[in-house]
Full PDB file with SEQRES, HELIX, SHEET, SSBOND, CRYST1, ORIGX, SCALE, CONECT and MASTER records, all heavy atoms in Angstrom:
SEQRES   1 A   35  ALA CYS LEU SER GLY ARG ARG TYR GLU THR PHE ASP THR          
SEQRES   2 A   35  MET SER ALA PHE GLN ASP PHE ARG ALA LYS SER ILE ASN          
SEQRES   3 A   35  SER LEU LYS LEU ALA GLU PRO VAL VAL                          
HELIX    1 AA1 ARG A    7  THR A   10  1                                   4    
HELIX    2 AA2 MET A   14  VAL A   34  1                                  21    
CRYST1    1.000    1.000    1.000  90.00  90.00  90.00 P 1           1          
ORIGX1      1.000000  0.000000  0.000000        0.00000                         
ORIGX2      0.000000  1.000000  0.000000        0.00000                         
ORIGX3      0.000000  0.000000  1.000000        0.00000                         
SCALE1      1.000000  0.000000  0.000000        0.00000                         
SCALE2      0.000000  1.000000  0.000000        0.00000                         
SCALE3      0.000000  0.000000  1.000000        0.00000                         
ATOM      1  N   ALA A   1     -13.134 -18.843   4.823  1.00  0.00           N  
ATOM      2  CA  ALA A   1     -14.041 -19.992   4.624  1.00  0.00           C  
ATOM      3  C   ALA A   1     -14.509 -20.044   3.126  1.00  0.00           C  
ATOM      4  O   ALA A   1     -14.721 -18.978   2.549  1.00  0.00           O  
ATOM      5  CB  ALA A   1     -15.260 -19.939   5.583  1.00  0.00           C  
ATOM      6  N   CYS A   2     -14.742 -21.200   2.666  1.00  0.00           N  
ATOM      7  CA  CYS A   2     -15.197 -21.297   1.262  1.00  0.00           C  
ATOM      8  C   CYS A   2     -16.682 -20.992   1.211  1.00  0.00           C  
ATOM      9  O   CYS A   2     -17.179 -20.498   0.182  1.00  0.00           O  
ATOM     10  CB  CYS A   2     -14.962 -22.667   0.737  1.00  0.00           C  
ATOM     11  SG  CYS A   2     -13.110 -23.082   0.602  1.00  0.00           S  
ATOM     12  N   LEU A   3     -17.395 -21.452   2.292  1.00  0.00           N  
ATOM     13  CA  LEU A   3     -18.856 -21.279   2.252  1.00  0.00           C  
ATOM     14  C   LEU A   3     -19.309 -20.433   3.500  1.00  0.00           C  
ATOM     15  O   LEU A   3     -18.884 -20.810   4.603  1.00  0.00           O  
ATOM     16  CB  LEU A   3     -19.540 -22.639   2.291  1.00  0.00           C  
ATOM     17  CG  LEU A   3     -21.077 -22.644   2.286  1.00  0.00           C  
ATOM     18  CD1 LEU A   3     -21.575 -22.120   0.852  1.00  0.00           C  
ATOM     19  CD2 LEU A   3     -21.601 -24.118   2.455  1.00  0.00           C  
ATOM     20  N   SER A   4     -20.097 -19.407   3.389  1.00  0.00           N  
ATOM     21  CA  SER A   4     -20.568 -18.580   4.419  1.00  0.00           C  
ATOM     22  C   SER A   4     -21.783 -19.264   5.218  1.00  0.00           C  
ATOM     23  O   SER A   4     -21.940 -18.966   6.339  1.00  0.00           O  
ATOM     24  CB  SER A   4     -20.932 -17.156   3.959  1.00  0.00           C  
ATOM     25  OG  SER A   4     -22.021 -17.343   3.029  1.00  0.00           O  
ATOM     26  N   GLY A   5     -22.445 -20.156   4.481  1.00  0.00           N  
ATOM     27  CA  GLY A   5     -23.614 -20.752   5.141  1.00  0.00           C  
ATOM     28  C   GLY A   5     -23.331 -22.241   5.479  1.00  0.00           C  
ATOM     29  O   GLY A   5     -22.187 -22.524   5.867  1.00  0.00           O  
ATOM     30  N   ARG A   6     -24.291 -23.110   5.334  1.00  0.00           N  
ATOM     31  CA  ARG A   6     -24.234 -24.541   5.762  1.00  0.00           C  
ATOM     32  C   ARG A   6     -24.602 -25.326   4.472  1.00  0.00           C  
ATOM     33  O   ARG A   6     -25.539 -25.094   3.828  1.00  0.00           O  
ATOM     34  CB  ARG A   6     -25.089 -24.793   6.907  1.00  0.00           C  
ATOM     35  CG  ARG A   6     -24.807 -23.966   8.059  1.00  0.00           C  
ATOM     36  CD  ARG A   6     -25.863 -24.012   9.199  1.00  0.00           C  
ATOM     37  NE  ARG A   6     -25.551 -22.876  10.127  1.00  0.00           N  
ATOM     38  CZ  ARG A   6     -26.489 -21.956  10.477  1.00  0.00           C  
ATOM     39  NH1 ARG A   6     -27.703 -21.950   9.908  1.00  0.00           N  
ATOM     40  NH2 ARG A   6     -26.193 -20.944  11.279  1.00  0.00           N  
ATOM     41  N   ARG A   7     -23.749 -26.298   4.261  1.00  0.00           N  
ATOM     42  CA  ARG A   7     -23.827 -27.121   3.109  1.00  0.00           C  
ATOM     43  C   ARG A   7     -25.252 -27.684   2.847  1.00  0.00           C  
ATOM     44  O   ARG A   7     -25.874 -27.600   1.745  1.00  0.00           O  
ATOM     45  CB  ARG A   7     -22.823 -28.189   3.155  1.00  0.00           C  
ATOM     46  CG  ARG A   7     -22.883 -29.335   2.114  1.00  0.00           C  
ATOM     47  CD  ARG A   7     -21.797 -30.252   2.352  1.00  0.00           C  
ATOM     48  NE  ARG A   7     -21.783 -31.411   1.492  1.00  0.00           N  
ATOM     49  CZ  ARG A   7     -20.788 -32.258   1.240  1.00  0.00           C  
ATOM     50  NH1 ARG A   7     -19.647 -32.028   2.027  1.00  0.00           N  
ATOM     51  NH2 ARG A   7     -20.785 -33.311   0.472  1.00  0.00           N  
ATOM     52  N   TYR A   8     -25.855 -28.261   3.888  1.00  0.00           N  
ATOM     53  CA  TYR A   8     -27.086 -28.958   3.861  1.00  0.00           C  
ATOM     54  C   TYR A   8     -28.292 -27.975   3.701  1.00  0.00           C  
ATOM     55  O   TYR A   8     -29.433 -28.369   3.404  1.00  0.00           O  
ATOM     56  CB  TYR A   8     -27.366 -29.831   4.997  1.00  0.00           C  
ATOM     57  CG  TYR A   8     -26.948 -29.238   6.339  1.00  0.00           C  
ATOM     58  CD1 TYR A   8     -27.901 -28.513   6.973  1.00  0.00           C  
ATOM     59  CD2 TYR A   8     -25.598 -29.361   6.865  1.00  0.00           C  
ATOM     60  CE1 TYR A   8     -27.514 -27.842   8.239  1.00  0.00           C  
ATOM     61  CE2 TYR A   8     -25.287 -28.758   8.002  1.00  0.00           C  
ATOM     62  CZ  TYR A   8     -26.239 -27.966   8.707  1.00  0.00           C  
ATOM     63  OH  TYR A   8     -25.930 -27.405   9.876  1.00  0.00           O  
ATOM     64  N   GLU A   9     -28.022 -26.674   3.971  1.00  0.00           N  
ATOM     65  CA  GLU A   9     -29.098 -25.645   3.806  1.00  0.00           C  
ATOM     66  C   GLU A   9     -28.883 -24.908   2.497  1.00  0.00           C  
ATOM     67  O   GLU A   9     -29.923 -24.231   2.002  1.00  0.00           O  
ATOM     68  CB  GLU A   9     -29.025 -24.640   4.974  1.00  0.00           C  
ATOM     69  CG  GLU A   9     -29.289 -25.284   6.300  1.00  0.00           C  
ATOM     70  CD  GLU A   9     -29.180 -24.373   7.485  1.00  0.00           C  
ATOM     71  OE1 GLU A   9     -28.564 -23.289   7.266  1.00  0.00           O  
ATOM     72  OE2 GLU A   9     -29.707 -24.728   8.499  1.00  0.00           O  
ATOM     73  N   THR A  10     -27.687 -24.946   1.940  1.00  0.00           N  
ATOM     74  CA  THR A  10     -27.371 -24.104   0.700  1.00  0.00           C  
ATOM     75  C   THR A  10     -27.590 -24.726  -0.567  1.00  0.00           C  
ATOM     76  O   THR A  10     -28.072 -24.043  -1.542  1.00  0.00           O  
ATOM     77  CB  THR A  10     -25.938 -23.574   0.866  1.00  0.00           C  
ATOM     78  OG1 THR A  10     -25.654 -22.932   2.086  1.00  0.00           O  
ATOM     79  CG2 THR A  10     -25.571 -22.674  -0.300  1.00  0.00           C  
ATOM     80  N   PHE A  11     -27.336 -26.102  -0.667  1.00  0.00           N  
ATOM     81  CA  PHE A  11     -27.357 -26.733  -1.977  1.00  0.00           C  
ATOM     82  C   PHE A  11     -28.440 -27.800  -2.026  1.00  0.00           C  
ATOM     83  O   PHE A  11     -28.547 -28.584  -1.178  1.00  0.00           O  
ATOM     84  CB  PHE A  11     -26.002 -27.439  -2.244  1.00  0.00           C  
ATOM     85  CG  PHE A  11     -24.857 -26.485  -2.174  1.00  0.00           C  
ATOM     86  CD1 PHE A  11     -23.943 -26.581  -1.042  1.00  0.00           C  
ATOM     87  CD2 PHE A  11     -24.609 -25.485  -3.121  1.00  0.00           C  
ATOM     88  CE1 PHE A  11     -22.872 -25.598  -1.011  1.00  0.00           C  
ATOM     89  CE2 PHE A  11     -23.572 -24.573  -2.975  1.00  0.00           C  
ATOM     90  CZ  PHE A  11     -22.718 -24.610  -1.882  1.00  0.00           C  
ATOM     91  N   ASP A  12     -29.197 -27.738  -3.110  1.00  0.00           N  
ATOM     92  CA  ASP A  12     -30.326 -28.722  -3.279  1.00  0.00           C  
ATOM     93  C   ASP A  12     -29.910 -29.811  -4.177  1.00  0.00           C  
ATOM     94  O   ASP A  12     -30.759 -30.821  -4.271  1.00  0.00           O  
ATOM     95  CB  ASP A  12     -31.470 -27.987  -3.961  1.00  0.00           C  
ATOM     96  CG  ASP A  12     -32.146 -26.857  -3.126  1.00  0.00           C  
ATOM     97  OD1 ASP A  12     -32.061 -27.059  -1.841  1.00  0.00           O  
ATOM     98  OD2 ASP A  12     -32.550 -25.822  -3.616  1.00  0.00           O  
ATOM     99  N   THR A  13     -28.875 -29.701  -4.896  1.00  0.00           N  
ATOM    100  CA  THR A  13     -28.430 -30.810  -5.838  1.00  0.00           C  
ATOM    101  C   THR A  13     -26.955 -31.100  -5.786  1.00  0.00           C  
ATOM    102  O   THR A  13     -26.171 -30.146  -5.266  1.00  0.00           O  
ATOM    103  CB  THR A  13     -28.737 -30.451  -7.258  1.00  0.00           C  
ATOM    104  OG1 THR A  13     -28.003 -29.330  -7.736  1.00  0.00           O  
ATOM    105  CG2 THR A  13     -30.200 -30.147  -7.486  1.00  0.00           C  
ATOM    106  N   MET A  14     -26.453 -32.184  -6.147  1.00  0.00           N  
ATOM    107  CA  MET A  14     -25.065 -32.561  -6.118  1.00  0.00           C  
ATOM    108  C   MET A  14     -24.364 -31.699  -7.104  1.00  0.00           C  
ATOM    109  O   MET A  14     -23.263 -31.241  -6.942  1.00  0.00           O  
ATOM    110  CB  MET A  14     -24.836 -33.998  -6.416  1.00  0.00           C  
ATOM    111  CG  MET A  14     -23.470 -34.428  -6.453  1.00  0.00           C  
ATOM    112  SD  MET A  14     -22.552 -34.142  -4.912  1.00  0.00           S  
ATOM    113  CE  MET A  14     -23.069 -35.644  -4.018  1.00  0.00           C  
ATOM    114  N   SER A  15     -24.994 -31.383  -8.290  1.00  0.00           N  
ATOM    115  CA  SER A  15     -24.298 -30.626  -9.314  1.00  0.00           C  
ATOM    116  C   SER A  15     -24.100 -29.156  -8.827  1.00  0.00           C  
ATOM    117  O   SER A  15     -23.016 -28.562  -9.081  1.00  0.00           O  
ATOM    118  CB  SER A  15     -25.224 -30.515 -10.548  1.00  0.00           C  
ATOM    119  OG  SER A  15     -26.454 -29.922 -10.295  1.00  0.00           O  
ATOM    120  N   ALA A  16     -24.972 -28.560  -8.069  1.00  0.00           N  
ATOM    121  CA  ALA A  16     -24.776 -27.227  -7.382  1.00  0.00           C  
ATOM    122  C   ALA A  16     -23.550 -27.302  -6.462  1.00  0.00           C  
ATOM    123  O   ALA A  16     -22.808 -26.395  -6.384  1.00  0.00           O  
ATOM    124  CB  ALA A  16     -26.064 -26.841  -6.737  1.00  0.00           C  
ATOM    125  N   PHE A  17     -23.504 -28.382  -5.663  1.00  0.00           N  
ATOM    126  CA  PHE A  17     -22.354 -28.495  -4.705  1.00  0.00           C  
ATOM    127  C   PHE A  17     -21.006 -28.659  -5.441  1.00  0.00           C  
ATOM    128  O   PHE A  17     -20.012 -28.119  -5.049  1.00  0.00           O  
ATOM    129  CB  PHE A  17     -22.581 -29.663  -3.767  1.00  0.00           C  
ATOM    130  CG  PHE A  17     -21.455 -29.869  -2.855  1.00  0.00           C  
ATOM    131  CD1 PHE A  17     -21.258 -29.013  -1.742  1.00  0.00           C  
ATOM    132  CD2 PHE A  17     -20.612 -30.978  -3.024  1.00  0.00           C  
ATOM    133  CE1 PHE A  17     -20.229 -29.202  -0.905  1.00  0.00           C  
ATOM    134  CE2 PHE A  17     -19.525 -31.222  -2.096  1.00  0.00           C  
ATOM    135  CZ  PHE A  17     -19.316 -30.345  -1.064  1.00  0.00           C  
ATOM    136  N   GLN A  18     -21.062 -29.436  -6.452  1.00  0.00           N  
ATOM    137  CA  GLN A  18     -19.812 -29.606  -7.337  1.00  0.00           C  
ATOM    138  C   GLN A  18     -19.356 -28.276  -7.974  1.00  0.00           C  
ATOM    139  O   GLN A  18     -18.177 -28.089  -8.077  1.00  0.00           O  
ATOM    140  CB  GLN A  18     -20.025 -30.742  -8.324  1.00  0.00           C  
ATOM    141  CG  GLN A  18     -20.209 -32.121  -7.769  1.00  0.00           C  
ATOM    142  CD  GLN A  18     -18.999 -32.678  -6.972  1.00  0.00           C  
ATOM    143  OE1 GLN A  18     -17.878 -32.076  -7.152  1.00  0.00           O  
ATOM    144  NE2 GLN A  18     -19.208 -33.605  -6.157  1.00  0.00           N  
ATOM    145  N   ASP A  19     -20.340 -27.499  -8.384  1.00  0.00           N  
ATOM    146  CA  ASP A  19     -20.027 -26.179  -8.934  1.00  0.00           C  
ATOM    147  C   ASP A  19     -19.316 -25.252  -7.951  1.00  0.00           C  
ATOM    148  O   ASP A  19     -18.295 -24.580  -8.169  1.00  0.00           O  
ATOM    149  CB  ASP A  19     -21.329 -25.509  -9.490  1.00  0.00           C  
ATOM    150  CG  ASP A  19     -20.958 -24.233 -10.172  1.00  0.00           C  
ATOM    151  OD1 ASP A  19     -20.163 -24.084 -11.076  1.00  0.00           O  
ATOM    152  OD2 ASP A  19     -21.489 -23.157  -9.665  1.00  0.00           O  
ATOM    153  N   PHE A  20     -19.934 -25.343  -6.680  1.00  0.00           N  
ATOM    154  CA  PHE A  20     -19.290 -24.572  -5.519  1.00  0.00           C  
ATOM    155  C   PHE A  20     -17.854 -25.138  -5.264  1.00  0.00           C  
ATOM    156  O   PHE A  20     -17.010 -24.293  -5.064  1.00  0.00           O  
ATOM    157  CB  PHE A  20     -20.181 -24.761  -4.277  1.00  0.00           C  
ATOM    158  CG  PHE A  20     -19.468 -24.550  -2.983  1.00  0.00           C  
ATOM    159  CD1 PHE A  20     -19.063 -23.329  -2.571  1.00  0.00           C  
ATOM    160  CD2 PHE A  20     -19.130 -25.721  -2.192  1.00  0.00           C  
ATOM    161  CE1 PHE A  20     -18.368 -23.179  -1.425  1.00  0.00           C  
ATOM    162  CE2 PHE A  20     -18.456 -25.526  -1.011  1.00  0.00           C  
ATOM    163  CZ  PHE A  20     -18.084 -24.353  -0.578  1.00  0.00           C  
ATOM    164  N   ARG A  21     -17.694 -26.390  -5.324  1.00  0.00           N  
ATOM    165  CA  ARG A  21     -16.327 -27.028  -5.038  1.00  0.00           C  
ATOM    166  C   ARG A  21     -15.349 -26.400  -6.148  1.00  0.00           C  
ATOM    167  O   ARG A  21     -14.296 -26.045  -5.741  1.00  0.00           O  
ATOM    168  CB  ARG A  21     -16.396 -28.468  -5.176  1.00  0.00           C  
ATOM    169  CG  ARG A  21     -15.019 -29.151  -4.928  1.00  0.00           C  
ATOM    170  CD  ARG A  21     -15.153 -30.698  -5.121  1.00  0.00           C  
ATOM    171  NE  ARG A  21     -13.873 -31.408  -4.899  1.00  0.00           N  
ATOM    172  CZ  ARG A  21     -13.019 -31.506  -5.760  1.00  0.00           C  
ATOM    173  NH1 ARG A  21     -13.170 -31.056  -7.097  1.00  0.00           N  
ATOM    174  NH2 ARG A  21     -11.855 -32.177  -5.542  1.00  0.00           N  
ATOM    175  N   ALA A  22     -15.756 -26.472  -7.366  1.00  0.00           N  
ATOM    176  CA  ALA A  22     -14.800 -25.975  -8.480  1.00  0.00           C  
ATOM    177  C   ALA A  22     -14.505 -24.418  -8.299  1.00  0.00           C  
ATOM    178  O   ALA A  22     -13.336 -24.063  -8.434  1.00  0.00           O  
ATOM    179  CB  ALA A  22     -15.446 -26.220  -9.812  1.00  0.00           C  
ATOM    180  N   LYS A  23     -15.487 -23.686  -7.882  1.00  0.00           N  
ATOM    181  CA  LYS A  23     -15.199 -22.199  -7.646  1.00  0.00           C  
ATOM    182  C   LYS A  23     -14.429 -21.998  -6.451  1.00  0.00           C  
ATOM    183  O   LYS A  23     -13.499 -21.123  -6.352  1.00  0.00           O  
ATOM    184  CB  LYS A  23     -16.604 -21.537  -7.421  1.00  0.00           C  
ATOM    185  CG  LYS A  23     -17.368 -21.400  -8.700  1.00  0.00           C  
ATOM    186  CD  LYS A  23     -18.784 -20.724  -8.557  1.00  0.00           C  
ATOM    187  CE  LYS A  23     -19.497 -20.621  -9.853  1.00  0.00           C  
ATOM    188  NZ  LYS A  23     -20.924 -19.987  -9.634  1.00  0.00           N  
ATOM    189  N   SER A  24     -14.545 -22.887  -5.372  1.00  0.00           N  
ATOM    190  CA  SER A  24     -13.710 -22.736  -4.144  1.00  0.00           C  
ATOM    191  C   SER A  24     -12.293 -23.068  -4.532  1.00  0.00           C  
ATOM    192  O   SER A  24     -11.378 -22.285  -4.073  1.00  0.00           O  
ATOM    193  CB  SER A  24     -14.278 -23.704  -3.107  1.00  0.00           C  
ATOM    194  OG  SER A  24     -15.503 -23.351  -2.753  1.00  0.00           O  
ATOM    195  N   ILE A  25     -12.006 -24.057  -5.302  1.00  0.00           N  
ATOM    196  CA  ILE A  25     -10.683 -24.423  -5.629  1.00  0.00           C  
ATOM    197  C   ILE A  25     -10.002 -23.280  -6.457  1.00  0.00           C  
ATOM    198  O   ILE A  25      -8.873 -22.912  -6.234  1.00  0.00           O  
ATOM    199  CB  ILE A  25     -10.594 -25.794  -6.388  1.00  0.00           C  
ATOM    200  CG1 ILE A  25     -11.035 -26.912  -5.490  1.00  0.00           C  
ATOM    201  CG2 ILE A  25      -9.227 -25.985  -7.066  1.00  0.00           C  
ATOM    202  CD1 ILE A  25     -11.274 -28.182  -6.126  1.00  0.00           C  
ATOM    203  N   ASN A  26     -10.879 -22.740  -7.405  1.00  0.00           N  
ATOM    204  CA  ASN A  26     -10.340 -21.617  -8.132  1.00  0.00           C  
ATOM    205  C   ASN A  26     -10.008 -20.389  -7.308  1.00  0.00           C  
ATOM    206  O   ASN A  26      -8.998 -19.731  -7.544  1.00  0.00           O  
ATOM    207  CB  ASN A  26     -11.358 -21.204  -9.269  1.00  0.00           C  
ATOM    208  CG  ASN A  26     -10.849 -20.090 -10.158  1.00  0.00           C  
ATOM    209  OD1 ASN A  26      -9.873 -20.295 -10.831  1.00  0.00           O  
ATOM    210  ND2 ASN A  26     -11.501 -18.980 -10.099  1.00  0.00           N  
ATOM    211  N   SER A  27     -10.865 -20.164  -6.344  1.00  0.00           N  
ATOM    212  CA  SER A  27     -10.615 -18.976  -5.374  1.00  0.00           C  
ATOM    213  C   SER A  27      -9.315 -19.170  -4.662  1.00  0.00           C  
ATOM    214  O   SER A  27      -8.589 -18.239  -4.360  1.00  0.00           O  
ATOM    215  CB  SER A  27     -11.784 -18.826  -4.351  1.00  0.00           C  
ATOM    216  OG  SER A  27     -12.928 -18.374  -5.132  1.00  0.00           O  
ATOM    217  N   LEU A  28      -9.103 -20.444  -4.145  1.00  0.00           N  
ATOM    218  CA  LEU A  28      -7.852 -20.702  -3.397  1.00  0.00           C  
ATOM    219  C   LEU A  28      -6.656 -20.619  -4.278  1.00  0.00           C  
ATOM    220  O   LEU A  28      -5.566 -20.103  -3.867  1.00  0.00           O  
ATOM    221  CB  LEU A  28      -7.961 -22.050  -2.710  1.00  0.00           C  
ATOM    222  CG  LEU A  28      -8.986 -22.225  -1.656  1.00  0.00           C  
ATOM    223  CD1 LEU A  28      -9.165 -23.739  -1.258  1.00  0.00           C  
ATOM    224  CD2 LEU A  28      -8.445 -21.464  -0.315  1.00  0.00           C  
ATOM    225  N   LYS A  29      -6.852 -21.054  -5.475  1.00  0.00           N  
ATOM    226  CA  LYS A  29      -5.647 -20.887  -6.408  1.00  0.00           C  
ATOM    227  C   LYS A  29      -5.323 -19.434  -6.699  1.00  0.00           C  
ATOM    228  O   LYS A  29      -4.183 -19.109  -6.922  1.00  0.00           O  
ATOM    229  CB  LYS A  29      -5.921 -21.694  -7.692  1.00  0.00           C  
ATOM    230  CG  LYS A  29      -5.882 -23.175  -7.547  1.00  0.00           C  
ATOM    231  CD  LYS A  29      -6.141 -23.928  -8.872  1.00  0.00           C  
ATOM    232  CE  LYS A  29      -6.011 -25.411  -8.738  1.00  0.00           C  
ATOM    233  NZ  LYS A  29      -6.209 -26.117 -10.027  1.00  0.00           N  
ATOM    234  N   LEU A  30      -6.306 -18.592  -6.733  1.00  0.00           N  
ATOM    235  CA  LEU A  30      -6.146 -17.117  -6.991  1.00  0.00           C  
ATOM    236  C   LEU A  30      -5.486 -16.496  -5.717  1.00  0.00           C  
ATOM    237  O   LEU A  30      -4.625 -15.654  -5.749  1.00  0.00           O  
ATOM    238  CB  LEU A  30      -7.441 -16.479  -7.260  1.00  0.00           C  
ATOM    239  CG  LEU A  30      -8.079 -16.668  -8.653  1.00  0.00           C  
ATOM    240  CD1 LEU A  30      -9.457 -16.104  -8.700  1.00  0.00           C  
ATOM    241  CD2 LEU A  30      -7.225 -16.114  -9.727  1.00  0.00           C  
ATOM    242  N   ALA A  31      -5.889 -16.971  -4.562  1.00  0.00           N  
ATOM    243  CA  ALA A  31      -5.449 -16.393  -3.300  1.00  0.00           C  
ATOM    244  C   ALA A  31      -4.007 -16.813  -2.956  1.00  0.00           C  
ATOM    245  O   ALA A  31      -3.340 -16.018  -2.378  1.00  0.00           O  
ATOM    246  CB  ALA A  31      -6.384 -16.813  -2.187  1.00  0.00           C  
ATOM    247  N   GLU A  32      -3.607 -18.013  -3.265  1.00  0.00           N  
ATOM    248  CA  GLU A  32      -2.323 -18.558  -2.866  1.00  0.00           C  
ATOM    249  C   GLU A  32      -1.169 -17.713  -3.221  1.00  0.00           C  
ATOM    250  O   GLU A  32      -0.294 -17.320  -2.362  1.00  0.00           O  
ATOM    251  CB  GLU A  32      -2.173 -19.986  -3.324  1.00  0.00           C  
ATOM    252  CG  GLU A  32      -1.003 -20.700  -2.634  1.00  0.00           C  
ATOM    253  CD  GLU A  32       0.343 -20.415  -3.214  1.00  0.00           C  
ATOM    254  OE1 GLU A  32       0.407 -20.063  -4.391  1.00  0.00           O  
ATOM    255  OE2 GLU A  32       1.387 -20.636  -2.509  1.00  0.00           O  
ATOM    256  N   PRO A  33      -0.969 -17.219  -4.468  1.00  0.00           N  
ATOM    257  CA  PRO A  33       0.146 -16.460  -4.871  1.00  0.00           C  
ATOM    258  C   PRO A  33       0.208 -15.067  -4.060  1.00  0.00           C  
ATOM    259  O   PRO A  33       1.335 -14.624  -3.780  1.00  0.00           O  
ATOM    260  CB  PRO A  33      -0.105 -16.187  -6.379  1.00  0.00           C  
ATOM    261  CG  PRO A  33      -0.900 -17.309  -6.788  1.00  0.00           C  
ATOM    262  CD  PRO A  33      -1.866 -17.515  -5.673  1.00  0.00           C  
ATOM    263  N   VAL A  34      -0.925 -14.593  -3.711  1.00  0.00           N  
ATOM    264  CA  VAL A  34      -1.018 -13.341  -3.007  1.00  0.00           C  
ATOM    265  C   VAL A  34      -0.469 -13.489  -1.585  1.00  0.00           C  
ATOM    266  O   VAL A  34       0.344 -12.697  -1.124  1.00  0.00           O  
ATOM    267  CB  VAL A  34      -2.457 -12.787  -2.931  1.00  0.00           C  
ATOM    268  CG1 VAL A  34      -2.599 -11.479  -2.140  1.00  0.00           C  
ATOM    269  CG2 VAL A  34      -3.001 -12.502  -4.318  1.00  0.00           C  
ATOM    270  N   VAL A  35      -0.979 -14.504  -0.847  1.00  0.00           N  
ATOM    271  CA  VAL A  35      -0.561 -14.698   0.545  1.00  0.00           C  
ATOM    272  C   VAL A  35       0.924 -15.129   0.590  1.00  0.00           C  
ATOM    273  O   VAL A  35       1.652 -14.762   1.469  1.00  0.00           O  
ATOM    274  CB  VAL A  35      -1.557 -15.642   1.265  1.00  0.00           C  
ATOM    275  CG1 VAL A  35      -2.945 -15.097   1.454  1.00  0.00           C  
ATOM    276  CG2 VAL A  35      -1.543 -17.032   0.650  1.00  0.00           C  
TER     277      VAL A  35                                                      
MASTER        0    0    0    2    0    0    0    6  276    1    0    3          
END                                                                             
């Protein structure tokens, strides 16, 4: 899972959520060659 919690409880601003989105995409790009 990209997020261990819940979106509406974790993020107070759209910019914080967009930062999470960018980090999630990077994590998946790192994971894909391994799997």
